[in-house]
Amino acid sequence: MVDTADTPDPSASAPSELVTLLGLQPHVEGGWFRETWKTSGGTVPDGYGGPRAFATGIYFLLHPGEVSRWHRVRSDELWLWHRGGPLRMRLSGPGDAPDEGGAVEVMVGNGIEHGEQPQFLVPGGVWQSAEPAGDEPVLVTCVVAPGFDFQDFEMP
């Protein structure tokens, strides 16, 4: 579990106008976020510490130079690209800690003809990190099912 009270400011430089326009806040893993959707219904999945929404959604923004540091979420997480340059995602399997040397790289973006994917699923329990691959802020939506809860979030 992560204590979000100690969340550092993820950007040493001034954030983009998108932070204000979308009402984003700093995220403990780096970058900026705001929960935009949570199902009204829920469930108590096996292996979870209590009830969860069926699914949740957030806006997530990374500026050039910002990194979504290695972390994993117990639930599946679908990343949906909206705007900016491509997003470089790294996946490192479900081990006890991320294996940077064995990480697989995936590009999320609208350059389908260049091998980018406009959406990408990170299976639950898999270590992940992300960063802009270019010089533009990258805006995505992340949909988590069962719904996101910080009890299910882990950083090394």
Protein backbone atom coordinates (compact mmCIF):
# COMPACT_ATOMS: atom_id res chain seq x y z
CA MET A 1 0.00 0.00 0.00
CA VAL A 2 1.22 3.52 -0.80
CA ASP A 3 0.74 6.58 1.42
CA THR A 4 -0.30 9.32 -0.99
CA ALA A 5 0.12 12.03 1.68
CA ASP A 6 3.85 12.13 0.88
CA THR A 7 3.32 12.49 -2.87
CA PRO A 8 6.15 14.62 -4.30
CA ASP A 9 5.63 17.22 -6.99
CA PRO A 10 6.44 15.15 -10.11
CA SER A 11 7.68 18.06 -12.21
CA ALA A 12 10.62 20.33 -11.55
CA SER A 13 9.42 22.61 -14.33
CA ALA A 14 6.08 24.35 -14.72
CA PRO A 15 3.27 21.93 -15.60
CA SER A 16 1.38 22.29 -18.86
CA GLU A 17 -1.99 24.01 -19.13
CA LEU A 18 -3.59 20.54 -19.26
CA VAL A 19 -2.97 20.12 -15.52
CA THR A 20 -5.23 23.10 -14.80
CA LEU A 21 -7.77 22.47 -17.56
CA LEU A 22 -8.32 18.86 -16.47
CA GLY A 23 -7.99 19.47 -12.71
CA LEU A 24 -5.08 17.06 -12.32
CA GLN A 25 -3.07 16.38 -9.15
CA PRO A 26 0.43 14.91 -8.68
CA HIS A 27 0.52 11.10 -8.64
CA VAL A 28 2.80 9.19 -6.27
CA GLU A 29 4.33 7.21 -9.18
CA GLY A 30 5.08 10.44 -11.09
CA GLY A 31 2.97 12.44 -13.50
CA TRP A 32 -0.50 13.87 -12.96
CA PHE A 33 -3.96 12.31 -12.59
CA ARG A 34 -7.64 12.70 -11.78
CA GLU A 35 -10.21 9.99 -11.32
CA THR A 36 -12.92 10.57 -13.92
CA TRP A 37 -15.14 7.53 -13.51
CA LYS A 38 -16.02 4.85 -11.00
CA THR A 39 -18.82 2.32 -11.41
CA SER A 40 -21.64 2.61 -8.92
CA GLY A 41 -21.66 -1.16 -8.44
CA GLY A 42 -18.89 -3.21 -6.95
CA THR A 43 -17.57 -6.61 -6.02
CA VAL A 44 -15.32 -8.32 -3.48
CA PRO A 45 -12.78 -10.13 -5.68
CA ASP A 46 -10.89 -13.14 -4.31
CA GLY A 47 -7.48 -12.11 -2.96
CA TYR A 48 -8.37 -8.42 -2.56
CA GLY A 49 -8.53 -6.68 0.83
CA GLY A 50 -12.17 -5.67 0.53
CA PRO A 51 -14.80 -4.38 -1.87
CA ARG A 52 -13.81 -2.73 -5.15
CA ALA A 53 -15.76 -0.88 -7.82
CA PHE A 54 -16.29 -3.01 -10.91
CA ALA A 55 -14.00 -0.55 -12.75
CA THR A 56 -12.45 2.92 -12.50
CA GLY A 57 -10.97 5.41 -14.97
CA ILE A 58 -8.46 8.23 -14.66
CA TYR A 59 -6.82 10.84 -16.83
CA PHE A 60 -3.03 10.41 -16.58
CA LEU A 61 -0.56 12.98 -17.93
CA LEU A 62 3.22 12.81 -18.28
CA HIS A 63 5.33 15.77 -19.39
CA PRO A 64 8.67 15.26 -21.16
CA GLY A 65 11.21 14.34 -18.49
CA GLU A 66 8.57 12.91 -16.14
CA VAL A 67 8.43 9.18 -15.52
CA SER A 68 5.75 6.87 -14.23
CA ARG A 69 8.12 4.97 -11.94
CA TRP A 70 8.10 1.19 -11.66
CA HIS A 71 4.89 0.02 -10.02
CA ARG A 72 2.27 -2.66 -10.29
CA VAL A 73 -1.48 -2.79 -9.81
CA ARG A 74 -3.30 -5.95 -8.71
CA SER A 75 -5.99 -5.49 -11.41
CA ASP A 76 -5.77 -5.34 -15.20
CA GLU A 77 -5.10 -1.80 -16.49
CA LEU A 78 -6.08 -0.63 -19.98
CA TRP A 79 -4.12 2.42 -21.24
CA LEU A 80 -5.94 4.52 -23.89
CA TRP A 81 -3.89 7.17 -25.72
CA HIS A 82 -5.52 10.59 -26.27
CA ARG A 83 -2.95 13.18 -27.35
CA GLY A 84 0.68 14.24 -27.43
CA GLY A 85 3.60 12.16 -28.60
CA PRO A 86 4.02 8.43 -28.15
CA LEU A 87 4.28 6.89 -24.69
CA ARG A 88 7.09 4.40 -24.03
CA MET A 89 5.85 1.69 -21.67
CA ARG A 90 8.11 -0.91 -20.10
CA LEU A 91 6.80 -4.18 -18.66
CA SER A 92 8.82 -6.47 -16.43
CA GLY A 93 6.64 -9.44 -15.48
CA PRO A 94 5.05 -10.38 -12.15
CA GLY A 95 8.17 -11.14 -10.04
CA ASP A 96 8.97 -9.72 -6.60
CA ALA A 97 10.65 -6.66 -8.16
CA PRO A 98 10.98 -5.20 -11.67
CA ASP A 99 13.75 -6.67 -13.84
CA GLU A 100 14.86 -3.63 -15.85
CA GLY A 101 17.25 -5.70 -17.97
CA GLY A 102 14.49 -8.08 -19.01
CA ALA A 103 11.81 -5.43 -19.54
CA VAL A 104 9.73 -5.44 -22.73
CA GLU A 105 9.05 -2.08 -24.39
CA VAL A 106 5.75 -1.11 -26.01
CA MET A 107 4.92 2.20 -27.71
CA VAL A 108 1.44 3.59 -27.11
CA GLY A 109 0.28 6.30 -29.51
CA ASN A 110 -1.51 7.06 -32.75
CA GLY A 111 1.37 6.11 -35.09
CA ILE A 112 -0.12 2.72 -35.88
CA GLU A 113 1.87 2.56 -39.14
CA HIS A 114 5.04 2.93 -37.00
CA GLY A 115 4.15 0.10 -34.62
CA GLU A 116 2.43 2.22 -31.97
CA GLN A 117 -0.75 0.97 -30.34
CA PRO A 118 -3.60 3.38 -29.46
CA GLN A 119 -4.50 1.20 -26.48
CA PHE A 120 -2.55 -1.33 -24.46
CA LEU A 121 -3.49 -3.75 -21.68
CA VAL A 122 -1.16 -4.28 -18.72
CA PRO A 123 -2.19 -7.52 -16.98
CA GLY A 124 -2.75 -7.32 -13.24
CA GLY A 125 0.37 -7.88 -11.12
CA VAL A 126 2.84 -6.98 -13.90
CA TRP A 127 5.51 -4.36 -13.14
CA GLN A 128 5.22 -1.32 -15.41
CA SER A 129 6.78 2.08 -16.01
CA ALA A 130 6.14 4.73 -18.65
CA GLU A 131 7.59 7.94 -20.05
CA PRO A 132 6.99 10.23 -23.02
CA ALA A 133 9.07 9.08 -25.99
CA GLY A 134 9.10 12.58 -27.50
CA ASP A 135 9.06 16.22 -26.51
CA GLU A 136 5.30 16.61 -25.97
CA PRO A 137 3.14 15.92 -22.91
CA VAL A 138 1.25 12.63 -23.26
CA LEU A 139 -2.37 12.32 -22.10
CA VAL A 140 -3.93 8.89 -21.61
CA THR A 141 -6.87 7.35 -19.81
CA CYS A 142 -6.24 4.32 -17.61
CA VAL A 143 -9.18 1.98 -16.97
CA VAL A 144 -8.69 -0.51 -14.13
CA ALA A 145 -10.92 -3.54 -13.47
CA PRO A 146 -11.68 -4.48 -10.76
CA GLY A 147 -11.52 -0.81 -9.82
CA PHE A 148 -8.34 0.86 -8.62
CA ASP A 149 -7.62 1.16 -4.90
CA PHE A 150 -4.27 2.29 -3.46
CA GLN A 151 -4.30 -0.90 -1.33
CA ASP A 152 -3.67 -2.74 -4.63
CA PHE A 153 -0.81 -0.47 -5.78
CA GLU A 154 2.85 -1.30 -5.14
CA MET A 155 6.17 0.42 -5.85
CA PRO A 156 9.55 -1.23 -5.21
